[in-house]
Amino acid sequence: MNTQEMIELVKNMISAETCCEDAAKAGTNWIESVGTDRQNIAAEKLIKELEEDIMPIDGVITFMQSDKAIAMLGKDKAASIEDHAKSVKEAGGKYCDCQACSAAKSILDNRNALTETH
């Protein structure tokens, strides 16, 4: 993956409705740092943030069973997301497959591209 592809992937993550504010900020800071002497530091911060934020699929399932999720999303939506997460897990998925988590996983899988400058 080259730097331009990584920029597009980070933008995809940032634009996701499910992207948390801290990940969006770290992503934006990295994009703004590309080609500067701040790029490696921004890459380290983005990696750290995504490692903390990416949601393991078991966490999604557990959360969707909680009163908080039901209060936030409604019983039917929480149950639907829980069922989907169980399907993801049964298919071998380890992480949430929402747009933000999917992009975060791709970023982490290709983390070396965060420090390339070509």
PDB file of N, CA and C in Angstrom:
ATOM      1  N   MET A   1       0.858  -1.177   0.000  1.00  0.00           N
ATOM      2  CA  MET A   1       0.000   0.000   0.000  1.00  0.00           C
ATOM      3  C   MET A   1       0.900   1.234   0.000  1.00  0.00           C
ATOM      4  N   ASN A   2       0.607   2.180  -0.857  1.00  0.00           N
ATOM      5  CA  ASN A   2       1.409   3.397  -0.897  1.00  0.00           C
ATOM      6  C   ASN A   2       0.768   4.496  -0.035  1.00  0.00           C
ATOM      7  N   THR A   3       1.460   5.592   0.084  1.00  0.00           N
ATOM      8  CA  THR A   3       1.004   6.678   0.949  1.00  0.00           C
ATOM      9  C   THR A   3      -0.344   7.225   0.507  1.00  0.00           C
ATOM     10  N   GLN A   4      -0.546   7.405  -0.784  1.00  0.00           N
ATOM     11  CA  GLN A   4      -1.815   7.952  -1.263  1.00  0.00           C
ATOM     12  C   GLN A   4      -2.973   7.016  -0.950  1.00  0.00           C
ATOM     13  N   GLU A   5      -2.757   5.717  -1.109  1.00  0.00           N
ATOM     14  CA  GLU A   5      -3.799   4.746  -0.757  1.00  0.00           C
ATOM     15  C   GLU A   5      -4.107   4.788   0.745  1.00  0.00           C
ATOM     16  N   MET A   6      -3.057   4.967   1.546  1.00  0.00           N
ATOM     17  CA  MET A   6      -3.252   5.054   2.998  1.00  0.00           C
ATOM     18  C   MET A   6      -4.020   6.320   3.352  1.00  0.00           C
ATOM     19  N   ILE A   7      -3.719   7.425   2.697  1.00  0.00           N
ATOM     20  CA  ILE A   7      -4.465   8.664   2.943  1.00  0.00           C
ATOM     21  C   ILE A   7      -5.947   8.435   2.668  1.00  0.00           C
ATOM     22  N   GLU A   8      -6.262   7.780   1.561  1.00  0.00           N
ATOM     23  CA  GLU A   8      -7.663   7.505   1.222  1.00  0.00           C
ATOM     24  C   GLU A   8      -8.313   6.591   2.256  1.00  0.00           C
ATOM     25  N   LEU A   9      -7.583   5.602   2.737  1.00  0.00           N
ATOM     26  CA  LEU A   9      -8.103   4.694   3.755  1.00  0.00           C
ATOM     27  C   LEU A   9      -8.376   5.433   5.058  1.00  0.00           C
ATOM     28  N   VAL A  10      -7.458   6.295   5.456  1.00  0.00           N
ATOM     29  CA  VAL A  10      -7.652   7.082   6.684  1.00  0.00           C
ATOM     30  C   VAL A  10      -8.840   8.029   6.513  1.00  0.00           C
ATOM     31  N   LYS A  11      -8.981   8.644   5.357  1.00  0.00           N
ATOM     32  CA  LYS A  11     -10.141   9.506   5.098  1.00  0.00           C
ATOM     33  C   LYS A  11     -11.438   8.706   5.186  1.00  0.00           C
ATOM     34  N   ASN A  12     -11.433   7.489   4.675  1.00  0.00           N
ATOM     35  CA  ASN A  12     -12.602   6.620   4.751  1.00  0.00           C
ATOM     36  C   ASN A  12     -12.974   6.348   6.210  1.00  0.00           C
ATOM     37  N   MET A  13     -11.979   6.085   7.033  1.00  0.00           N
ATOM     38  CA  MET A  13     -12.225   5.865   8.452  1.00  0.00           C
ATOM     39  C   MET A  13     -12.809   7.112   9.101  1.00  0.00           C
ATOM     40  N   ILE A  14     -12.190   8.253   8.834  1.00  0.00           N
ATOM     41  CA  ILE A  14     -12.633   9.512   9.440  1.00  0.00           C
ATOM     42  C   ILE A  14     -14.076   9.824   9.064  1.00  0.00           C
ATOM     43  N   SER A  15     -14.455   9.514   7.839  1.00  0.00           N
ATOM     44  CA  SER A  15     -15.798   9.852   7.361  1.00  0.00           C
ATOM     45  C   SER A  15     -16.876   8.893   7.873  1.00  0.00           C
ATOM     46  N   ALA A  16     -16.468   7.811   8.490  1.00  0.00           N
ATOM     47  CA  ALA A  16     -17.433   6.829   8.981  1.00  0.00           C
ATOM     48  C   ALA A  16     -18.250   7.389  10.139  1.00  0.00           C
ATOM     49  N   GLU A  17     -19.524   7.148  10.097  1.00  0.00           N
ATOM     50  CA  GLU A  17     -20.423   7.572  11.180  1.00  0.00           C
ATOM     51  C   GLU A  17     -19.989   6.978  12.516  1.00  0.00           C
ATOM     52  N   THR A  18     -19.367   5.799  12.478  1.00  0.00           N
ATOM     53  CA  THR A  18     -18.974   5.100  13.695  1.00  0.00           C
ATOM     54  C   THR A  18     -17.563   5.432  14.167  1.00  0.00           C
ATOM     55  N   CYS A  19     -16.872   6.334  13.499  1.00  0.00           N
ATOM     56  CA  CYS A  19     -15.518   6.716  13.898  1.00  0.00           C
ATOM     57  C   CYS A  19     -15.579   7.632  15.115  1.00  0.00           C
ATOM     58  N   CYS A  20     -14.843   7.261  16.156  1.00  0.00           N
ATOM     59  CA  CYS A  20     -14.838   8.094  17.362  1.00  0.00           C
ATOM     60  C   CYS A  20     -14.010   9.356  17.118  1.00  0.00           C
ATOM     61  N   GLU A  21     -14.250  10.342  17.940  1.00  0.00           N
ATOM     62  CA  GLU A  21     -13.593  11.645  17.790  1.00  0.00           C
ATOM     63  C   GLU A  21     -12.076  11.544  17.895  1.00  0.00           C
ATOM     64  N   ASP A  22     -11.579  10.730  18.828  1.00  0.00           N
ATOM     65  CA  ASP A  22     -10.125  10.619  19.009  1.00  0.00           C
ATOM     66  C   ASP A  22      -9.452   9.984  17.798  1.00  0.00           C
ATOM     67  N   ALA A  23     -10.077   8.965  17.215  1.00  0.00           N
ATOM     68  CA  ALA A  23      -9.509   8.330  16.025  1.00  0.00           C
ATOM     69  C   ALA A  23      -9.552   9.294  14.844  1.00  0.00           C
ATOM     70  N   ALA A  24     -10.640  10.036  14.712  1.00  0.00           N
ATOM     71  CA  ALA A  24     -10.753  11.012  13.626  1.00  0.00           C
ATOM     72  C   ALA A  24      -9.673  12.085  13.761  1.00  0.00           C
ATOM     73  N   LYS A  25      -9.442  12.534  14.978  1.00  0.00           N
ATOM     74  CA  LYS A  25      -8.420  13.560  15.215  1.00  0.00           C
ATOM     75  C   LYS A  25      -7.026  13.016  14.898  1.00  0.00           C
ATOM     76  N   ALA A  26      -6.743  11.795  15.353  1.00  0.00           N
ATOM     77  CA  ALA A  26      -5.432  11.193  15.080  1.00  0.00           C
ATOM     78  C   ALA A  26      -5.245  10.976  13.585  1.00  0.00           C
ATOM     79  N   GLY A  27      -6.307  10.564  12.902  1.00  0.00           N
ATOM     80  CA  GLY A  27      -6.236  10.371  11.455  1.00  0.00           C
ATOM     81  C   GLY A  27      -5.994  11.678  10.718  1.00  0.00           C
ATOM     82  N   THR A  28      -6.721  12.704  11.110  1.00  0.00           N
ATOM     83  CA  THR A  28      -6.555  14.021  10.492  1.00  0.00           C
ATOM     84  C   THR A  28      -5.142  14.554  10.730  1.00  0.00           C
ATOM     85  N   ASN A  29      -4.647  14.392  11.952  1.00  0.00           N
ATOM     86  CA  ASN A  29      -3.284  14.847  12.260  1.00  0.00           C
ATOM     87  C   ASN A  29      -2.253  14.118  11.414  1.00  0.00           C
ATOM     88  N   TRP A  30      -2.481  12.803  11.206  1.00  0.00           N
ATOM     89  CA  TRP A  30      -1.530  12.061  10.370  1.00  0.00           C
ATOM     90  C   TRP A  30      -1.576  12.569   8.938  1.00  0.00           C
ATOM     91  N   ILE A  31      -2.760  12.728   8.376  1.00  0.00           N
ATOM     92  CA  ILE A  31      -2.884  13.219   6.996  1.00  0.00           C
ATOM     93  C   ILE A  31      -2.166  14.561   6.845  1.00  0.00           C
ATOM     94  N   GLU A  32      -2.372  15.448   7.798  1.00  0.00           N
ATOM     95  CA  GLU A  32      -1.737  16.774   7.738  1.00  0.00           C
ATOM     96  C   GLU A  32      -0.223  16.703   7.898  1.00  0.00           C
ATOM     97  N   SER A  33       0.281  15.614   8.483  1.00  0.00           N
ATOM     98  CA  SER A  33       1.721  15.493   8.721  1.00  0.00           C
ATOM     99  C   SER A  33       2.478  14.818   7.582  1.00  0.00           C
ATOM    100  N   VAL A  34       1.756  14.204   6.646  1.00  0.00           N
ATOM    101  CA  VAL A  34       2.416  13.452   5.577  1.00  0.00           C
ATOM    102  C   VAL A  34       3.406  14.358   4.835  1.00  0.00           C
ATOM    103  N   GLY A  35       4.623  13.834   4.686  1.00  0.00           N
ATOM    104  CA  GLY A  35       5.665  14.577   3.992  1.00  0.00           C
ATOM    105  C   GLY A  35       6.408  15.570   4.862  1.00  0.00           C
ATOM    106  N   THR A  36       6.079  15.611   6.153  1.00  0.00           N
ATOM    107  CA  THR A  36       6.771  16.526   7.067  1.00  0.00           C
ATOM    108  C   THR A  36       7.584  15.716   8.075  1.00  0.00           C
ATOM    109  N   ASP A  37       8.358  16.428   8.891  1.00  0.00           N
ATOM    110  CA  ASP A  37       9.139  15.745   9.924  1.00  0.00           C
ATOM    111  C   ASP A  37       8.256  15.250  11.079  1.00  0.00           C
ATOM    112  N   ARG A  38       6.963  15.545  11.051  1.00  0.00           N
ATOM    113  CA  ARG A  38       6.027  15.092  12.090  1.00  0.00           C
ATOM    114  C   ARG A  38       5.338  13.777  11.723  1.00  0.00           C
ATOM    115  N   GLN A  39       5.551  13.288  10.508  1.00  0.00           N
ATOM    116  CA  GLN A  39       4.798  12.137  10.015  1.00  0.00           C
ATOM    117  C   GLN A  39       4.974  10.893  10.893  1.00  0.00           C
ATOM    118  N   ASN A  40       6.198  10.558  11.275  1.00  0.00           N
ATOM    119  CA  ASN A  40       6.410   9.344  12.064  1.00  0.00           C
ATOM    120  C   ASN A  40       5.759   9.430  13.436  1.00  0.00           C
ATOM    121  N   ILE A  41       5.831  10.578  14.061  1.00  0.00           N
ATOM    122  CA  ILE A  41       5.193  10.757  15.372  1.00  0.00           C
ATOM    123  C   ILE A  41       3.675  10.667  15.234  1.00  0.00           C
ATOM    124  N   ALA A  42       3.140  11.298  14.211  1.00  0.00           N
ATOM    125  CA  ALA A  42       1.691  11.232  13.972  1.00  0.00           C
ATOM    126  C   ALA A  42       1.265   9.800  13.661  1.00  0.00           C
ATOM    127  N   ALA A  43       2.101   9.052  12.946  1.00  0.00           N
ATOM    128  CA  ALA A  43       1.802   7.649  12.641  1.00  0.00           C
ATOM    129  C   ALA A  43       1.752   6.826  13.919  1.00  0.00           C
ATOM    130  N   GLU A  44       2.719   7.035  14.798  1.00  0.00           N
ATOM    131  CA  GLU A  44       2.737   6.315  16.084  1.00  0.00           C
ATOM    132  C   GLU A  44       1.473   6.604  16.888  1.00  0.00           C
ATOM    133  N   LYS A  45       1.062   7.858  16.911  1.00  0.00           N
ATOM    134  CA  LYS A  45      -0.141   8.233  17.665  1.00  0.00           C
ATOM    135  C   LYS A  45      -1.393   7.619  17.047  1.00  0.00           C
ATOM    136  N   LEU A  46      -1.460   7.594  15.723  1.00  0.00           N
ATOM    137  CA  LEU A  46      -2.606   6.991  15.055  1.00  0.00           C
ATOM    138  C   LEU A  46      -2.663   5.491  15.331  1.00  0.00           C
ATOM    139  N   ILE A  47      -1.539   4.819  15.234  1.00  0.00           N
ATOM    140  CA  ILE A  47      -1.498   3.381  15.510  1.00  0.00           C
ATOM    141  C   ILE A  47      -1.951   3.097  16.935  1.00  0.00           C
ATOM    142  N   LYS A  48      -1.423   3.843  17.885  1.00  0.00           N
ATOM    143  CA  LYS A  48      -1.802   3.656  19.293  1.00  0.00           C
ATOM    144  C   LYS A  48      -3.304   3.852  19.474  1.00  0.00           C
ATOM    145  N   GLU A  49      -3.847   4.892  18.879  1.00  0.00           N
ATOM    146  CA  GLU A  49      -5.280   5.184  19.005  1.00  0.00           C
ATOM    147  C   GLU A  49      -6.123   4.059  18.406  1.00  0.00           C
ATOM    148  N   LEU A  50      -5.748   3.598  17.228  1.00  0.00           N
ATOM    149  CA  LEU A  50      -6.541   2.555  16.567  1.00  0.00           C
ATOM    150  C   LEU A  50      -6.448   1.231  17.309  1.00  0.00           C
ATOM    151  N   GLU A  51      -5.285   0.932  17.864  1.00  0.00           N
ATOM    152  CA  GLU A  51      -5.163  -0.295  18.658  1.00  0.00           C
ATOM    153  C   GLU A  51      -6.076  -0.253  19.878  1.00  0.00           C
ATOM    154  N   GLU A  52      -6.276   0.933  20.428  1.00  0.00           N
ATOM    155  CA  GLU A  52      -7.175   1.085  21.572  1.00  0.00           C
ATOM    156  C   GLU A  52      -8.644   1.076  21.156  1.00  0.00           C
ATOM    157  N   ASP A  53      -8.933   1.571  19.955  1.00  0.00           N
ATOM    158  CA  ASP A  53     -10.324   1.791  19.545  1.00  0.00           C
ATOM    159  C   ASP A  53     -10.977   0.644  18.790  1.00  0.00           C
ATOM    160  N   ILE A  54     -10.208  -0.120  18.039  1.00  0.00           N
ATOM    161  CA  ILE A  54     -10.823  -1.158  17.223  1.00  0.00           C
ATOM    162  C   ILE A  54     -11.578  -2.123  18.144  1.00  0.00           C
ATOM    163  N   MET A  55     -12.809  -2.413  17.778  1.00  0.00           N
ATOM    164  CA  MET A  55     -13.705  -3.153  18.664  1.00  0.00           C
ATOM    165  C   MET A  55     -13.655  -4.653  18.366  1.00  0.00           C
ATOM    166  N   PRO A  56     -13.163  -5.449  19.327  1.00  0.00           N
ATOM    167  CA  PRO A  56     -13.230  -6.897  19.150  1.00  0.00           C
ATOM    168  C   PRO A  56     -14.694  -7.336  19.012  1.00  0.00           C
ATOM    169  N   ILE A  57     -14.938  -8.347  18.201  1.00  0.00           N
ATOM    170  CA  ILE A  57     -16.307  -8.763  17.919  1.00  0.00           C
ATOM    171  C   ILE A  57     -17.029  -9.212  19.186  1.00  0.00           C
ATOM    172  N   ASP A  58     -16.324  -9.836  20.112  1.00  0.00           N
ATOM    173  CA  ASP A  58     -16.966 -10.234  21.372  1.00  0.00           C
ATOM    174  C   ASP A  58     -17.429  -9.011  22.163  1.00  0.00           C
ATOM    175  N   GLY A  59     -16.693  -7.922  22.050  1.00  0.00           N
ATOM    176  CA  GLY A  59     -17.097  -6.680  22.712  1.00  0.00           C
ATOM    177  C   GLY A  59     -18.370  -6.108  22.120  1.00  0.00           C
ATOM    178  N   VAL A  60     -18.511  -6.225  20.806  1.00  0.00           N
ATOM    179  CA  VAL A  60     -19.731  -5.761  20.140  1.00  0.00           C
ATOM    180  C   VAL A  60     -20.919  -6.577  20.639  1.00  0.00           C
ATOM    181  N   ILE A  61     -20.761  -7.893  20.665  1.00  0.00           N
ATOM    182  CA  ILE A  61     -21.846  -8.774  21.100  1.00  0.00           C
ATOM    183  C   ILE A  61     -22.250  -8.452  22.531  1.00  0.00           C
ATOM    184  N   THR A  62     -21.279  -8.345  23.409  1.00  0.00           N
ATOM    185  CA  THR A  62     -21.563  -8.046  24.819  1.00  0.00           C
ATOM    186  C   THR A  62     -22.243  -6.696  24.967  1.00  0.00           C
ATOM    187  N   PHE A  63     -21.744  -5.684  24.262  1.00  0.00           N
ATOM    188  CA  PHE A  63     -22.336  -4.358  24.377  1.00  0.00           C
ATOM    189  C   PHE A  63     -23.777  -4.346  23.882  1.00  0.00           C
ATOM    190  N   MET A  64     -24.047  -5.007  22.791  1.00  0.00           N
ATOM    191  CA  MET A  64     -25.406  -5.003  22.233  1.00  0.00           C
ATOM    192  C   MET A  64     -26.411  -5.703  23.146  1.00  0.00           C
ATOM    193  N   GLN A  65     -25.933  -6.492  24.070  1.00  0.00           N
ATOM    194  CA  GLN A  65     -26.794  -7.153  25.054  1.00  0.00           C
ATOM    195  C   GLN A  65     -27.037  -6.267  26.280  1.00  0.00           C
ATOM    196  N   SER A  66     -26.347  -5.149  26.359  1.00  0.00           N
ATOM    197  CA  SER A  66     -26.414  -4.304  27.553  1.00  0.00           C
ATOM    198  C   SER A  66     -27.607  -3.350  27.524  1.00  0.00           C
ATOM    199  N   ASP A  67     -27.993  -2.914  28.702  1.00  0.00           N
ATOM    200  CA  ASP A  67     -29.069  -1.930  28.829  1.00  0.00           C
ATOM    201  C   ASP A  67     -28.690  -0.621  28.150  1.00  0.00           C
ATOM    202  N   LYS A  68     -27.402  -0.266  28.197  1.00  0.00           N
ATOM    203  CA  LYS A  68     -26.946   0.977  27.568  1.00  0.00           C
ATOM    204  C   LYS A  68     -27.163   0.936  26.056  1.00  0.00           C
ATOM    205  N   ALA A  69     -26.810  -0.183  25.425  1.00  0.00           N
ATOM    206  CA  ALA A  69     -26.999  -0.305  23.972  1.00  0.00           C
ATOM    207  C   ALA A  69     -28.480  -0.257  23.623  1.00  0.00           C
ATOM    208  N   ILE A  70     -29.289  -0.937  24.408  1.00  0.00           N
ATOM    209  CA  ILE A  70     -30.734  -0.950  24.161  1.00  0.00           C
ATOM    210  C   ILE A  70     -31.309   0.445  24.314  1.00  0.00           C
ATOM    211  N   ALA A  71     -30.832   1.174  25.312  1.00  0.00           N
ATOM    212  CA  ALA A  71     -31.305   2.550  25.524  1.00  0.00           C
ATOM    213  C   ALA A  71     -30.864   3.461  24.377  1.00  0.00           C
ATOM    214  N   MET A  72     -29.644   3.257  23.872  1.00  0.00           N
ATOM    215  CA  MET A  72     -29.107   4.097  22.800  1.00  0.00           C
ATOM    216  C   MET A  72     -29.747   3.774  21.449  1.00  0.00           C
ATOM    217  N   LEU A  73     -29.923   2.508  21.166  1.00  0.00           N
ATOM    218  CA  LEU A  73     -30.302   2.066  19.825  1.00  0.00           C
ATOM    219  C   LEU A  73     -31.718   1.533  19.705  1.00  0.00           C
ATOM    220  N   GLY A  74     -32.289   1.195  20.825  1.00  0.00           N
ATOM    221  CA  GLY A  74     -33.580   0.515  20.807  1.00  0.00           C
ATOM    222  C   GLY A  74     -33.356  -0.985  20.792  1.00  0.00           C
ATOM    223  N   LYS A  75     -34.316  -1.710  21.312  1.00  0.00           N
ATOM    224  CA  LYS A  75     -34.184  -3.159  21.462  1.00  0.00           C
ATOM    225  C   LYS A  75     -33.986  -3.864  20.120  1.00  0.00           C
ATOM    226  N   ASP A  76     -34.774  -3.498  19.119  1.00  0.00           N
ATOM    227  CA  ASP A  76     -34.689  -4.175  17.818  1.00  0.00           C
ATOM    228  C   ASP A  76     -33.358  -3.924  17.122  1.00  0.00           C
ATOM    229  N   LYS A  77     -32.891  -2.686  17.121  1.00  0.00           N
ATOM    230  CA  LYS A  77     -31.621  -2.353  16.454  1.00  0.00           C
ATOM    231  C   LYS A  77     -30.458  -3.033  17.176  1.00  0.00           C
ATOM    232  N   ALA A  78     -30.457  -2.993  18.510  1.00  0.00           N
ATOM    233  CA  ALA A  78     -29.386  -3.650  19.270  1.00  0.00           C
ATOM    234  C   ALA A  78     -29.377  -5.153  18.976  1.00  0.00           C
ATOM    235  N   ALA A  79     -30.559  -5.767  18.923  1.00  0.00           N
ATOM    236  CA  ALA A  79     -30.649  -7.199  18.631  1.00  0.00           C
ATOM    237  C   ALA A  79     -30.168  -7.492  17.214  1.00  0.00           C
ATOM    238  N   SER A  80     -30.493  -6.634  16.278  1.00  0.00           N
ATOM    239  CA  SER A  80     -30.066  -6.814  14.898  1.00  0.00           C
ATOM    240  C   SER A  80     -28.542  -6.733  14.786  1.00  0.00           C
ATOM    241  N   ILE A  81     -27.947  -5.759  15.443  1.00  0.00           N
ATOM    242  CA  ILE A  81     -26.486  -5.614  15.414  1.00  0.00           C
ATOM    243  C   ILE A  81     -25.833  -6.800  16.117  1.00  0.00           C
ATOM    244  N   GLU A  82     -26.422  -7.232  17.226  1.00  0.00           N
ATOM    245  CA  GLU A  82     -25.894  -8.406  17.934  1.00  0.00           C
ATOM    246  C   GLU A  82     -25.915  -9.638  17.021  1.00  0.00           C
ATOM    247  N   ASP A  83     -27.031  -9.862  16.329  1.00  0.00           N
ATOM    248  CA  ASP A  83     -27.130 -10.999  15.412  1.00  0.00           C
ATOM    249  C   ASP A  83     -26.079 -10.899  14.303  1.00  0.00           C
ATOM    250  N   HIS A  84     -25.905  -9.698  13.769  1.00  0.00           N
ATOM    251  CA  HIS A  84     -24.894  -9.503  12.725  1.00  0.00           C
ATOM    252  C   HIS A  84     -23.497  -9.800  13.275  1.00  0.00           C
ATOM    253  N   ALA A  85     -23.213  -9.307  14.475  1.00  0.00           N
ATOM    254  CA  ALA A  85     -21.893  -9.531  15.084  1.00  0.00           C
ATOM    255  C   ALA A  85     -21.651 -11.025  15.320  1.00  0.00           C
ATOM    256  N   LYS A  86     -22.670 -11.729  15.716  1.00  0.00           N
ATOM    257  CA  LYS A  86     -22.531 -13.179  15.901  1.00  0.00           C
ATOM    258  C   LYS A  86     -22.224 -13.860  14.573  1.00  0.00           C
ATOM    259  N   SER A  87     -22.830 -13.381  13.493  1.00  0.00           N
ATOM    260  CA  SER A  87     -22.545 -13.929  12.160  1.00  0.00           C
ATOM    261  C   SER A  87     -21.103 -13.654  11.761  1.00  0.00           C
ATOM    262  N   VAL A  88     -20.636 -12.444  12.054  1.00  0.00           N
ATOM    263  CA  VAL A  88     -19.242 -12.088  11.762  1.00  0.00           C
ATOM    264  C   VAL A  88     -18.307 -13.025  12.523  1.00  0.00           C
ATOM    265  N   LYS A  89     -18.607 -13.251  13.803  1.00  0.00           N
ATOM    266  CA  LYS A  89     -17.775 -14.127  14.636  1.00  0.00           C
ATOM    267  C   LYS A  89     -17.803 -15.557  14.096  1.00  0.00           C
ATOM    268  N   GLU A  90     -18.973 -16.045  13.747  1.00  0.00           N
ATOM    269  CA  GLU A  90     -19.094 -17.403  13.218  1.00  0.00           C
ATOM    270  C   GLU A  90     -18.310 -17.579  11.922  1.00  0.00           C
ATOM    271  N   ALA A  91     -18.181 -16.509  11.166  1.00  0.00           N
ATOM    272  CA  ALA A  91     -17.421 -16.553   9.909  1.00  0.00           C
ATOM    273  C   ALA A  91     -15.921 -16.378  10.141  1.00  0.00           C
ATOM    274  N   GLY A  92     -15.527 -16.242  11.410  1.00  0.00           N
ATOM    275  CA  GLY A  92     -14.108 -16.119  11.726  1.00  0.00           C
ATOM    276  C   GLY A  92     -13.631 -14.702  11.973  1.00  0.00           C
ATOM    277  N   GLY A  93     -14.538 -13.727  11.909  1.00  0.00           N
ATOM    278  CA  GLY A  93     -14.147 -12.343  12.148  1.00  0.00           C
ATOM    279  C   GLY A  93     -13.771 -12.107  13.597  1.00  0.00           C
ATOM    280  N   LYS A  94     -12.750 -11.330  13.799  1.00  0.00           N
ATOM    281  CA  LYS A  94     -12.288 -11.021  15.158  1.00  0.00           C
ATOM    282  C   LYS A  94     -12.666  -9.614  15.609  1.00  0.00           C
ATOM    283  N   TYR A  95     -13.030  -8.763  14.633  1.00  0.00           N
ATOM    284  CA  TYR A  95     -13.324  -7.367  14.937  1.00  0.00           C
ATOM    285  C   TYR A  95     -14.659  -6.952  14.338  1.00  0.00           C
ATOM    286  N   CYS A  96     -15.211  -5.909  14.881  1.00  0.00           N
ATOM    287  CA  CYS A  96     -16.400  -5.276  14.330  1.00  0.00           C
ATOM    288  C   CYS A  96     -16.136  -4.980  12.858  1.00  0.00           C
ATOM    289  N   ASP A  97     -17.181  -5.106  12.047  1.00  0.00           N
ATOM    290  CA  ASP A  97     -16.976  -4.857  10.615  1.00  0.00           C
ATOM    291  C   ASP A  97     -17.639  -3.566  10.139  1.00  0.00           C
ATOM    292  N   CYS A  98     -17.896  -2.643  11.075  1.00  0.00           N
ATOM    293  CA  CYS A  98     -18.417  -1.336  10.657  1.00  0.00           C
ATOM    294  C   CYS A  98     -17.352  -0.626   9.827  1.00  0.00           C
ATOM    295  N   GLN A  99     -17.725   0.432   9.162  1.00  0.00           N
ATOM    296  CA  GLN A  99     -16.797   1.155   8.279  1.00  0.00           C
ATOM    297  C   GLN A  99     -15.551   1.621   9.023  1.00  0.00           C
ATOM    298  N   ALA A 100     -15.727   2.164  10.219  1.00  0.00           N
ATOM    299  CA  ALA A 100     -14.575   2.681  10.966  1.00  0.00           C
ATOM    300  C   ALA A 100     -13.641   1.557  11.406  1.00  0.00           C
ATOM    301  N   CYS A 101     -14.191   0.491  11.972  1.00  0.00           N
ATOM    302  CA  CYS A 101     -13.346  -0.618  12.434  1.00  0.00           C
ATOM    303  C   CYS A 101     -12.701  -1.353  11.268  1.00  0.00           C
ATOM    304  N   SER A 102     -13.421  -1.518  10.175  1.00  0.00           N
ATOM    305  CA  SER A 102     -12.843  -2.170   9.000  1.00  0.00           C
ATOM    306  C   SER A 102     -11.665  -1.364   8.459  1.00  0.00           C
ATOM    307  N   ALA A 103     -11.834  -0.048   8.392  1.00  0.00           N
ATOM    308  CA  ALA A 103     -10.734   0.808   7.935  1.00  0.00           C
ATOM    309  C   ALA A 103      -9.583   0.770   8.932  1.00  0.00           C
ATOM    310  N   ALA A 104      -9.900   0.813  10.229  1.00  0.00           N
ATOM    311  CA  ALA A 104      -8.857   0.762  11.257  1.00  0.00           C
ATOM    312  C   ALA A 104      -8.043  -0.525  11.131  1.00  0.00           C
ATOM    313  N   LYS A 105      -8.710  -1.643  10.911  1.00  0.00           N
ATOM    314  CA  LYS A 105      -8.004  -2.918  10.748  1.00  0.00           C
ATOM    315  C   LYS A 105      -7.079  -2.866   9.536  1.00  0.00           C
ATOM    316  N   SER A 106      -7.557  -2.334   8.430  1.00  0.00           N
ATOM    317  CA  SER A 106      -6.711  -2.220   7.226  1.00  0.00           C
ATOM    318  C   SER A 106      -5.518  -1.301   7.473  1.00  0.00           C
ATOM    319  N   ILE A 107      -5.756  -0.209   8.188  1.00  0.00           N
ATOM    320  CA  ILE A 107      -4.659   0.714   8.514  1.00  0.00           C
ATOM    321  C   ILE A 107      -3.619  -0.008   9.365  1.00  0.00           C
ATOM    322  N   LEU A 108      -4.079  -0.705  10.405  1.00  0.00           N
ATOM    323  CA  LEU A 108      -3.147  -1.422  11.272  1.00  0.00           C
ATOM    324  C   LEU A 108      -2.418  -2.533  10.523  1.00  0.00           C
ATOM    325  N   ASP A 109      -3.118  -3.217   9.639  1.00  0.00           N
ATOM    326  CA  ASP A 109      -2.490  -4.282   8.854  1.00  0.00           C
ATOM    327  C   ASP A 109      -1.428  -3.746   7.894  1.00  0.00           C
ATOM    328  N   ASN A 110      -1.537  -2.483   7.530  1.00  0.00           N
ATOM    329  CA  ASN A 110      -0.604  -1.854   6.578  1.00  0.00           C
ATOM    330  C   ASN A 110       0.148  -0.698   7.219  1.00  0.00           C
ATOM    331  N   ARG A 111       0.367  -0.770   8.495  1.00  0.00           N
ATOM    332  CA  ARG A 111       0.933   0.353   9.272  1.00  0.00           C
ATOM    333  C   ARG A 111       2.250   0.886   8.724  1.00  0.00           C
ATOM    334  N   ASN A 112       3.024   0.052   8.042  1.00  0.00           N
ATOM    335  CA  ASN A 112       4.296   0.539   7.499  1.00  0.00           C
ATOM    336  C   ASN A 112       4.086   1.673   6.493  1.00  0.00           C
ATOM    337  N   ALA A 113       2.945   1.678   5.807  1.00  0.00           N
ATOM    338  CA  ALA A 113       2.666   2.730   4.827  1.00  0.00           C
ATOM    339  C   ALA A 113       2.440   4.086   5.499  1.00  0.00           C
ATOM    340  N   LEU A 114       2.203   4.097   6.802  1.00  0.00           N
ATOM    341  CA  LEU A 114       1.986   5.367   7.503  1.00  0.00           C
ATOM    342  C   LEU A 114       3.261   6.196   7.594  1.00  0.00           C
ATOM    343  N   THR A 115       4.402   5.544   7.469  1.00  0.00           N
ATOM    344  CA  THR A 115       5.667   6.278   7.609  1.00  0.00           C
ATOM    345  C   THR A 115       6.415   6.429   6.288  1.00  0.00           C
ATOM    346  N   GLU A 116       5.831   5.928   5.201  1.00  0.00           N
ATOM    347  CA  GLU A 116       6.454   6.115   3.883  1.00  0.00           C
ATOM    348  C   GLU A 116       6.205   7.523   3.381  1.00  0.00           C
ATOM    349  N   THR A 117       7.136   8.048   2.631  1.00  0.00           N
ATOM    350  CA  THR A 117       7.010   9.436   2.169  1.00  0.00           C
ATOM    351  C   THR A 117       7.091   9.563   0.658  1.00  0.00           C
ATOM    352  N   HIS A 118       6.632   8.569  -0.074  1.00  0.00           N
ATOM    353  CA  HIS A 118       6.694   8.698  -1.546  1.00  0.00           C
ATOM    354  C   HIS A 118       5.338   8.699  -2.142  1.00  0.00           C
TER     355      HIS A 118
END
